[in-house]
Amino acid sequence: MSRTAPSQGDEVGETIELRRIDPSRNMHRFYRLAITPDPFGGFLLLKQWGRIGVRGRIVAERYETEAFAADALWRQAIRKRRRGYLSAS
């Protein structure tokens, strides 16, 4: 499978926010990804997801370098876009 290029505006340091809305299925979901520095010298990939309008769940994954965290961010964004999530405007 080929990797799709990130859409314009999706850069490391910015938050990527994706949404999947299907009123016929009462589906109003969001998925947010962000990279932040870790106090111990690494980088955290923050993943937040849930129903639009609520806090949702948050998980942090730690990476040794910003490049590893950025790669994980893009892979996760691509997976979510394949599942029907679109960039929030």
PDB file of N, CA and C in Angstrom:
ATOM      1  N   MET A   1       0.833  -1.176   0.000  1.00  0.00           N
ATOM      2  CA  MET A   1       0.000   0.000   0.000  1.00  0.00           C
ATOM      3  C   MET A   1       0.879   1.241   0.000  1.00  0.00           C
ATOM      4  N   SER A   2       0.444   2.233  -0.700  1.00  0.00           N
ATOM      5  CA  SER A   2       1.218   3.468  -0.740  1.00  0.00           C
ATOM      6  C   SER A   2       0.794   4.383   0.396  1.00  0.00           C
ATOM      7  N   ARG A   3       1.730   5.170   0.857  1.00  0.00           N
ATOM      8  CA  ARG A   3       1.433   6.140   1.895  1.00  0.00           C
ATOM      9  C   ARG A   3       0.917   7.402   1.240  1.00  0.00           C
ATOM     10  N   THR A   4      -0.118   7.957   1.805  1.00  0.00           N
ATOM     11  CA  THR A   4      -0.630   9.209   1.277  1.00  0.00           C
ATOM     12  C   THR A   4       0.081  10.361   1.964  1.00  0.00           C
ATOM     13  N   ALA A   5       0.299  11.401   1.231  1.00  0.00           N
ATOM     14  CA  ALA A   5       0.969  12.577   1.790  1.00  0.00           C
ATOM     15  C   ALA A   5       0.044  13.263   2.779  1.00  0.00           C
ATOM     16  N   PRO A   6       0.608  13.846   3.831  1.00  0.00           N
ATOM     17  CA  PRO A   6      -0.235  14.576   4.768  1.00  0.00           C
ATOM     18  C   PRO A   6      -0.882  15.761   4.074  1.00  0.00           C
ATOM     19  N   SER A   7      -2.093  16.062   4.502  1.00  0.00           N
ATOM     20  CA  SER A   7      -2.765  17.190   3.875  1.00  0.00           C
ATOM     21  C   SER A   7      -2.126  18.498   4.342  1.00  0.00           C
ATOM     22  N   GLN A   8      -2.287  19.526   3.543  1.00  0.00           N
ATOM     23  CA  GLN A   8      -1.667  20.805   3.840  1.00  0.00           C
ATOM     24  C   GLN A   8      -2.182  21.323   5.173  1.00  0.00           C
ATOM     25  N   GLY A   9      -1.298  21.881   5.978  1.00  0.00           N
ATOM     26  CA  GLY A   9      -1.669  22.375   7.290  1.00  0.00           C
ATOM     27  C   GLY A   9      -1.344  21.382   8.387  1.00  0.00           C
ATOM     28  N   ASP A  10      -1.066  20.121   8.031  1.00  0.00           N
ATOM     29  CA  ASP A  10      -0.691  19.114   9.014  1.00  0.00           C
ATOM     30  C   ASP A  10       0.824  19.097   9.136  1.00  0.00           C
ATOM     31  N   GLU A  11       1.346  19.769  10.147  1.00  0.00           N
ATOM     32  CA  GLU A  11       2.786  19.810  10.353  1.00  0.00           C
ATOM     33  C   GLU A  11       3.074  19.461  11.799  1.00  0.00           C
ATOM     34  N   VAL A  12       4.274  18.961  12.033  1.00  0.00           N
ATOM     35  CA  VAL A  12       4.687  18.631  13.386  1.00  0.00           C
ATOM     36  C   VAL A  12       4.641  19.912  14.205  1.00  0.00           C
ATOM     37  N   GLY A  13       4.134  19.824  15.412  1.00  0.00           N
ATOM     38  CA  GLY A  13       3.987  20.992  16.255  1.00  0.00           C
ATOM     39  C   GLY A  13       2.559  21.515  16.230  1.00  0.00           C
ATOM     40  N   GLU A  14       1.826  21.202  15.208  1.00  0.00           N
ATOM     41  CA  GLU A  14       0.418  21.559  15.140  1.00  0.00           C
ATOM     42  C   GLU A  14      -0.403  20.360  15.551  1.00  0.00           C
ATOM     43  N   THR A  15      -1.638  20.626  15.914  1.00  0.00           N
ATOM     44  CA  THR A  15      -2.555  19.544  16.242  1.00  0.00           C
ATOM     45  C   THR A  15      -3.289  19.124  14.985  1.00  0.00           C
ATOM     46  N   ILE A  16      -3.360  17.834  14.755  1.00  0.00           N
ATOM     47  CA  ILE A  16      -4.153  17.300  13.652  1.00  0.00           C
ATOM     48  C   ILE A  16      -5.490  16.882  14.244  1.00  0.00           C
ATOM     49  N   GLU A  17      -6.559  17.440  13.729  1.00  0.00           N
ATOM     50  CA  GLU A  17      -7.885  17.079  14.206  1.00  0.00           C
ATOM     51  C   GLU A  17      -8.681  16.482  13.054  1.00  0.00           C
ATOM     52  N   LEU A  18      -9.176  15.287  13.280  1.00  0.00           N
ATOM     53  CA  LEU A  18      -9.960  14.573  12.283  1.00  0.00           C
ATOM     54  C   LEU A  18     -11.362  14.343  12.833  1.00  0.00           C
ATOM     55  N   ARG A  19     -12.331  14.291  11.929  1.00  0.00           N
ATOM     56  CA  ARG A  19     -13.718  14.037  12.349  1.00  0.00           C
ATOM     57  C   ARG A  19     -14.363  13.014  11.433  1.00  0.00           C
ATOM     58  N   ARG A  20     -15.271  12.265  12.020  1.00  0.00           N
ATOM     59  CA  ARG A  20     -16.071  11.306  11.249  1.00  0.00           C
ATOM     60  C   ARG A  20     -17.522  11.495  11.672  1.00  0.00           C
ATOM     61  N   ILE A  21     -18.315  12.009  10.755  1.00  0.00           N
ATOM     62  CA  ILE A  21     -19.705  12.328  11.057  1.00  0.00           C
ATOM     63  C   ILE A  21     -20.604  11.591  10.071  1.00  0.00           C
ATOM     64  N   ASP A  22     -21.554  10.836  10.632  1.00  0.00           N
ATOM     65  CA  ASP A  22     -22.554  10.136   9.829  1.00  0.00           C
ATOM     66  C   ASP A  22     -23.875  10.200  10.594  1.00  0.00           C
ATOM     67  N   PRO A  23     -24.709  11.223  10.297  1.00  0.00           N
ATOM     68  CA  PRO A  23     -25.966  11.391  11.049  1.00  0.00           C
ATOM     69  C   PRO A  23     -26.888  10.176  10.969  1.00  0.00           C
ATOM     70  N   SER A  24     -26.870   9.436   9.867  1.00  0.00           N
ATOM     71  CA  SER A  24     -27.756   8.273   9.748  1.00  0.00           C
ATOM     72  C   SER A  24     -27.405   7.184  10.756  1.00  0.00           C
ATOM     73  N   ARG A  25     -26.157   7.164  11.224  1.00  0.00           N
ATOM     74  CA  ARG A  25     -25.711   6.185  12.224  1.00  0.00           C
ATOM     75  C   ARG A  25     -25.504   6.821  13.592  1.00  0.00           C
ATOM     76  N   ASN A  26     -25.908   8.104  13.736  1.00  0.00           N
ATOM     77  CA  ASN A  26     -25.712   8.862  14.972  1.00  0.00           C
ATOM     78  C   ASN A  26     -24.232   8.855  15.380  1.00  0.00           C
ATOM     79  N   MET A  27     -23.357   8.996  14.380  1.00  0.00           N
ATOM     80  CA  MET A  27     -21.915   8.962  14.596  1.00  0.00           C
ATOM     81  C   MET A  27     -21.348  10.376  14.472  1.00  0.00           C
ATOM     82  N   HIS A  28     -20.768  10.869  15.555  1.00  0.00           N
ATOM     83  CA  HIS A  28     -20.157  12.197  15.595  1.00  0.00           C
ATOM     84  C   HIS A  28     -18.854  12.059  16.385  1.00  0.00           C
ATOM     85  N   ARG A  29     -17.800  11.606  15.728  1.00  0.00           N
ATOM     86  CA  ARG A  29     -16.538  11.290  16.406  1.00  0.00           C
ATOM     87  C   ARG A  29     -15.436  12.274  16.030  1.00  0.00           C
ATOM     88  N   PHE A  30     -14.466  12.405  16.930  1.00  0.00           N
ATOM     89  CA  PHE A  30     -13.265  13.176  16.634  1.00  0.00           C
ATOM     90  C   PHE A  30     -12.043  12.346  17.000  1.00  0.00           C
ATOM     91  N   TYR A  31     -10.919  12.706  16.400  1.00  0.00           N
ATOM     92  CA  TYR A  31      -9.631  12.075  16.716  1.00  0.00           C
ATOM     93  C   TYR A  31      -8.584  13.170  16.601  1.00  0.00           C
ATOM     94  N   ARG A  32      -7.835  13.434  17.670  1.00  0.00           N
ATOM     95  CA  ARG A  32      -6.859  14.514  17.710  1.00  0.00           C
ATOM     96  C   ARG A  32      -5.473  13.924  17.977  1.00  0.00           C
ATOM     97  N   LEU A  33      -4.467  14.395  17.243  1.00  0.00           N
ATOM     98  CA  LEU A  33      -3.080  13.946  17.399  1.00  0.00           C
ATOM     99  C   LEU A  33      -2.184  15.165  17.587  1.00  0.00           C
ATOM    100  N   ALA A  34      -1.227  15.071  18.501  1.00  0.00           N
ATOM    101  CA  ALA A  34      -0.290  16.168  18.722  1.00  0.00           C
ATOM    102  C   ALA A  34       1.022  15.618  19.279  1.00  0.00           C
ATOM    103  N   ILE A  35       2.119  16.288  18.963  1.00  0.00           N
ATOM    104  CA  ILE A  35       3.433  15.926  19.502  1.00  0.00           C
ATOM    105  C   ILE A  35       3.865  17.029  20.456  1.00  0.00           C
ATOM    106  N   THR A  36       4.285  16.629  21.648  1.00  0.00           N
ATOM    107  CA  THR A  36       4.775  17.585  22.638  1.00  0.00           C
ATOM    108  C   THR A  36       6.079  17.055  23.231  1.00  0.00           C
ATOM    109  N   PRO A  37       6.939  17.954  23.703  1.00  0.00           N
ATOM    110  CA  PRO A  37       8.181  17.505  24.360  1.00  0.00           C
ATOM    111  C   PRO A  37       7.866  16.800  25.676  1.00  0.00           C
ATOM    112  N   ASP A  38       8.657  15.797  25.970  1.00  0.00           N
ATOM    113  CA  ASP A  38       8.547  15.040  27.211  1.00  0.00           C
ATOM    114  C   ASP A  38       9.508  15.668  28.223  1.00  0.00           C
ATOM    115  N   PRO A  39       9.133  15.798  29.495  1.00  0.00           N
ATOM    116  CA  PRO A  39      10.055  16.387  30.481  1.00  0.00           C
ATOM    117  C   PRO A  39      11.342  15.580  30.678  1.00  0.00           C
ATOM    118  N   PHE A  40      11.384  14.344  30.171  1.00  0.00           N
ATOM    119  CA  PHE A  40      12.554  13.500  30.348  1.00  0.00           C
ATOM    120  C   PHE A  40      13.428  13.442  29.106  1.00  0.00           C
ATOM    121  N   GLY A  41      13.225  14.357  28.160  1.00  0.00           N
ATOM    122  CA  GLY A  41      14.091  14.455  26.996  1.00  0.00           C
ATOM    123  C   GLY A  41      13.559  13.827  25.726  1.00  0.00           C
ATOM    124  N   GLY A  42      12.455  13.138  25.789  1.00  0.00           N
ATOM    125  CA  GLY A  42      11.872  12.522  24.599  1.00  0.00           C
ATOM    126  C   GLY A  42      10.712  13.350  24.076  1.00  0.00           C
ATOM    127  N   PHE A  43       9.835  12.697  23.357  1.00  0.00           N
ATOM    128  CA  PHE A  43       8.658  13.359  22.796  1.00  0.00           C
ATOM    129  C   PHE A  43       7.448  12.475  23.012  1.00  0.00           C
ATOM    130  N   LEU A  44       6.303  13.113  23.255  1.00  0.00           N
ATOM    131  CA  LEU A  44       5.058  12.394  23.456  1.00  0.00           C
ATOM    132  C   LEU A  44       4.141  12.599  22.260  1.00  0.00           C
ATOM    133  N   LEU A  45       3.553  11.510  21.787  1.00  0.00           N
ATOM    134  CA  LEU A  45       2.484  11.580  20.798  1.00  0.00           C
ATOM    135  C   LEU A  45       1.198  11.453  21.591  1.00  0.00           C
ATOM    136  N   LEU A  46       0.426  12.540  21.637  1.00  0.00           N
ATOM    137  CA  LEU A  46      -0.834  12.547  22.361  1.00  0.00           C
ATOM    138  C   LEU A  46      -1.956  12.199  21.400  1.00  0.00           C
ATOM    139  N   LYS A  47      -2.756  11.197  21.768  1.00  0.00           N
ATOM    140  CA  LYS A  47      -3.903  10.776  20.979  1.00  0.00           C
ATOM    141  C   LYS A  47      -5.143  10.998  21.837  1.00  0.00           C
ATOM    142  N   GLN A  48      -6.100  11.731  21.300  1.00  0.00           N
ATOM    143  CA  GLN A  48      -7.349  11.967  22.005  1.00  0.00           C
ATOM    144  C   GLN A  48      -8.488  11.644  21.053  1.00  0.00           C
ATOM    145  N   TRP A  49      -9.490  10.902  21.531  1.00  0.00           N
ATOM    146  CA  TRP A  49     -10.601  10.537  20.673  1.00  0.00           C
ATOM    147  C   TRP A  49     -11.874  10.381  21.487  1.00  0.00           C
ATOM    148  N   GLY A  50     -12.999  10.475  20.780  1.00  0.00           N
ATOM    149  CA  GLY A  50     -14.285  10.295  21.429  1.00  0.00           C
ATOM    150  C   GLY A  50     -15.392  10.938  20.623  1.00  0.00           C
ATOM    151  N   ARG A  51     -16.520  11.123  21.260  1.00  0.00           N
ATOM    152  CA  ARG A  51     -17.667  11.759  20.631  1.00  0.00           C
ATOM    153  C   ARG A  51     -17.468  13.272  20.659  1.00  0.00           C
ATOM    154  N   ILE A  52     -17.822  13.933  19.579  1.00  0.00           N
ATOM    155  CA  ILE A  52     -17.701  15.385  19.511  1.00  0.00           C
ATOM    156  C   ILE A  52     -18.551  15.994  20.623  1.00  0.00           C
ATOM    157  N   GLY A  53     -17.953  16.912  21.383  1.00  0.00           N
ATOM    158  CA  GLY A  53     -18.656  17.581  22.472  1.00  0.00           C
ATOM    159  C   GLY A  53     -18.303  17.055  23.848  1.00  0.00           C
ATOM    160  N   VAL A  54     -17.552  15.950  23.909  1.00  0.00           N
ATOM    161  CA  VAL A  54     -17.105  15.416  25.197  1.00  0.00           C
ATOM    162  C   VAL A  54     -15.579  15.325  25.195  1.00  0.00           C
ATOM    163  N   ARG A  55     -14.996  15.171  26.370  1.00  0.00           N
ATOM    164  CA  ARG A  55     -13.538  15.143  26.497  1.00  0.00           C
ATOM    165  C   ARG A  55     -12.915  13.946  25.784  1.00  0.00           C
ATOM    166  N   GLY A  56     -13.530  12.799  25.900  1.00  0.00           N
ATOM    167  CA  GLY A  56     -12.995  11.597  25.267  1.00  0.00           C
ATOM    168  C   GLY A  56     -11.846  11.002  26.054  1.00  0.00           C
ATOM    169  N   ARG A  57     -11.143  10.071  25.423  1.00  0.00           N
ATOM    170  CA  ARG A  57      -9.997   9.395  26.040  1.00  0.00           C
ATOM    171  C   ARG A  57      -8.712  10.030  25.533  1.00  0.00           C
ATOM    172  N   ILE A  58      -7.678   9.989  26.361  1.00  0.00           N
ATOM    173  CA  ILE A  58      -6.367  10.508  25.973  1.00  0.00           C
ATOM    174  C   ILE A  58      -5.322   9.448  26.311  1.00  0.00           C
ATOM    175  N   VAL A  59      -4.446   9.178  25.337  1.00  0.00           N
ATOM    176  CA  VAL A  59      -3.338   8.245  25.537  1.00  0.00           C
ATOM    177  C   VAL A  59      -2.070   8.940  25.057  1.00  0.00           C
ATOM    178  N   ALA A  60      -0.990   8.786  25.798  1.00  0.00           N
ATOM    179  CA  ALA A  60       0.304   9.356  25.422  1.00  0.00           C
ATOM    180  C   ALA A  60       1.273   8.214  25.129  1.00  0.00           C
ATOM    181  N   GLU A  61       1.936   8.298  23.968  1.00  0.00           N
ATOM    182  CA  GLU A  61       2.977   7.339  23.614  1.00  0.00           C
ATOM    183  C   GLU A  61       4.305   8.086  23.590  1.00  0.00           C
ATOM    184  N   ARG A  62       5.321   7.523  24.245  1.00  0.00           N
ATOM    185  CA  ARG A  62       6.620   8.187  24.339  1.00  0.00           C
ATOM    186  C   ARG A  62       7.562   7.672  23.257  1.00  0.00           C
ATOM    187  N   TYR A  63       8.304   8.607  22.643  1.00  0.00           N
ATOM    188  CA  TYR A  63       9.292   8.282  21.619  1.00  0.00           C
ATOM    189  C   TYR A  63      10.592   8.999  21.960  1.00  0.00           C
ATOM    190  N   GLU A  64      11.703   8.365  21.608  1.00  0.00           N
ATOM    191  CA  GLU A  64      13.025   8.928  21.913  1.00  0.00           C
ATOM    192  C   GLU A  64      13.329  10.179  21.096  1.00  0.00           C
ATOM    193  N   THR A  65      12.886  10.215  19.839  1.00  0.00           N
ATOM    194  CA  THR A  65      13.184  11.365  18.980  1.00  0.00           C
ATOM    195  C   THR A  65      11.900  11.934  18.394  1.00  0.00           C
ATOM    196  N   GLU A  66      11.979  13.181  17.979  1.00  0.00           N
ATOM    197  CA  GLU A  66      10.834  13.827  17.344  1.00  0.00           C
ATOM    198  C   GLU A  66      10.506  13.158  16.010  1.00  0.00           C
ATOM    199  N   ALA A  67      11.522  12.656  15.323  1.00  0.00           N
ATOM    200  CA  ALA A  67      11.306  11.988  14.038  1.00  0.00           C
ATOM    201  C   ALA A  67      10.480  10.713  14.210  1.00  0.00           C
ATOM    202  N   PHE A  68      10.759   9.915  15.249  1.00  0.00           N
ATOM    203  CA  PHE A  68       9.976   8.708  15.509  1.00  0.00           C
ATOM    204  C   PHE A  68       8.530   9.072  15.860  1.00  0.00           C
ATOM    205  N   ALA A  69       8.362  10.114  16.669  1.00  0.00           N
ATOM    206  CA  ALA A  69       7.013  10.554  17.052  1.00  0.00           C
ATOM    207  C   ALA A  69       6.250  11.061  15.834  1.00  0.00           C
ATOM    208  N   ALA A  70       6.921  11.813  14.962  1.00  0.00           N
ATOM    209  CA  ALA A  70       6.278  12.342  13.753  1.00  0.00           C
ATOM    210  C   ALA A  70       5.865  11.200  12.827  1.00  0.00           C
ATOM    211  N   ASP A  71       6.712  10.193  12.697  1.00  0.00           N
ATOM    212  CA  ASP A  71       6.379   9.046  11.853  1.00  0.00           C
ATOM    213  C   ASP A  71       5.144   8.324  12.392  1.00  0.00           C
ATOM    214  N   ALA A  72       5.086   8.133  13.708  1.00  0.00           N
ATOM    215  CA  ALA A  72       3.927   7.484  14.323  1.00  0.00           C
ATOM    216  C   ALA A  72       2.670   8.337  14.134  1.00  0.00           C
ATOM    217  N   LEU A  73       2.810   9.656  14.229  1.00  0.00           N
ATOM    218  CA  LEU A  73       1.678  10.560  14.017  1.00  0.00           C
ATOM    219  C   LEU A  73       1.120  10.402  12.611  1.00  0.00           C
ATOM    220  N   TRP A  74       1.992  10.417  11.603  1.00  0.00           N
ATOM    221  CA  TRP A  74       1.531  10.297  10.213  1.00  0.00           C
ATOM    222  C   TRP A  74       0.903   8.936   9.948  1.00  0.00           C
ATOM    223  N   ARG A  75       1.500   7.870  10.484  1.00  0.00           N
ATOM    224  CA  ARG A  75       0.919   6.542  10.284  1.00  0.00           C
ATOM    225  C   ARG A  75      -0.478   6.454  10.881  1.00  0.00           C
ATOM    226  N   GLN A  76      -0.657   7.022  12.086  1.00  0.00           N
ATOM    227  CA  GLN A  76      -1.966   6.991  12.736  1.00  0.00           C
ATOM    228  C   GLN A  76      -2.981   7.846  11.963  1.00  0.00           C
ATOM    229  N   ALA A  77      -2.565   9.017  11.495  1.00  0.00           N
ATOM    230  CA  ALA A  77      -3.463   9.884  10.720  1.00  0.00           C
ATOM    231  C   ALA A  77      -3.899   9.191   9.429  1.00  0.00           C
ATOM    232  N   ILE A  78      -2.986   8.500   8.775  1.00  0.00           N
ATOM    233  CA  ILE A  78      -3.313   7.780   7.535  1.00  0.00           C
ATOM    234  C   ILE A  78      -4.316   6.665   7.833  1.00  0.00           C
ATOM    235  N   ARG A  79      -4.095   5.914   8.918  1.00  0.00           N
ATOM    236  CA  ARG A  79      -5.037   4.843   9.289  1.00  0.00           C
ATOM    237  C   ARG A  79      -6.432   5.395   9.532  1.00  0.00           C
ATOM    238  N   LYS A  80      -6.517   6.515  10.228  1.00  0.00           N
ATOM    239  CA  LYS A  80      -7.824   7.095  10.537  1.00  0.00           C
ATOM    240  C   LYS A  80      -8.500   7.628   9.270  1.00  0.00           C
ATOM    241  N   ARG A  81      -7.733   8.213   8.368  1.00  0.00           N
ATOM    242  CA  ARG A  81      -8.315   8.699   7.109  1.00  0.00           C
ATOM    243  C   ARG A  81      -8.851   7.532   6.276  1.00  0.00           C
ATOM    244  N   ARG A  82      -8.171   6.402   6.314  1.00  0.00           N
ATOM    245  CA  ARG A  82      -8.673   5.210   5.608  1.00  0.00           C
ATOM    246  C   ARG A  82     -10.001   4.735   6.179  1.00  0.00           C
ATOM    247  N   ARG A  83     -10.224   5.000   7.461  1.00  0.00           N
ATOM    248  CA  ARG A  83     -11.467   4.579   8.111  1.00  0.00           C
ATOM    249  C   ARG A  83     -12.586   5.600   7.961  1.00  0.00           C
ATOM    250  N   GLY A  84     -12.337   6.668   7.227  1.00  0.00           N
ATOM    251  CA  GLY A  84     -13.398   7.630   6.944  1.00  0.00           C
ATOM    252  C   GLY A  84     -13.300   8.943   7.673  1.00  0.00           C
ATOM    253  N   TYR A  85     -12.275   9.145   8.483  1.00  0.00           N
ATOM    254  CA  TYR A  85     -12.102  10.419   9.161  1.00  0.00           C
ATOM    255  C   TYR A  85     -11.579  11.452   8.168  1.00  0.00           C
ATOM    256  N   LEU A  86     -12.067  12.687   8.306  1.00  0.00           N
ATOM    257  CA  LEU A  86     -11.655  13.786   7.441  1.00  0.00           C
ATOM    258  C   LEU A  86     -11.082  14.906   8.301  1.00  0.00           C
ATOM    259  N   SER A  87     -10.215  15.709   7.702  1.00  0.00           N
ATOM    260  CA  SER A  87      -9.647  16.848   8.418  1.00  0.00           C
ATOM    261  C   SER A  87     -10.753  17.811   8.803  1.00  0.00           C
ATOM    262  N   ALA A  88     -10.704  18.265  10.061  1.00  0.00           N
ATOM    263  CA  ALA A  88     -11.704  19.230  10.540  1.00  0.00           C
ATOM    264  C   ALA A  88     -11.355  20.602   9.991  1.00  0.00           C
ATOM    265  N   SER A  89     -12.357  21.342   9.575  1.00  0.00           N
ATOM    266  CA  SER A  89     -12.114  22.686   9.036  1.00  0.00           C
ATOM    267  C   SER A  89     -12.491  23.733  10.036  1.00  0.00           C
TER     268      SER A  89
END
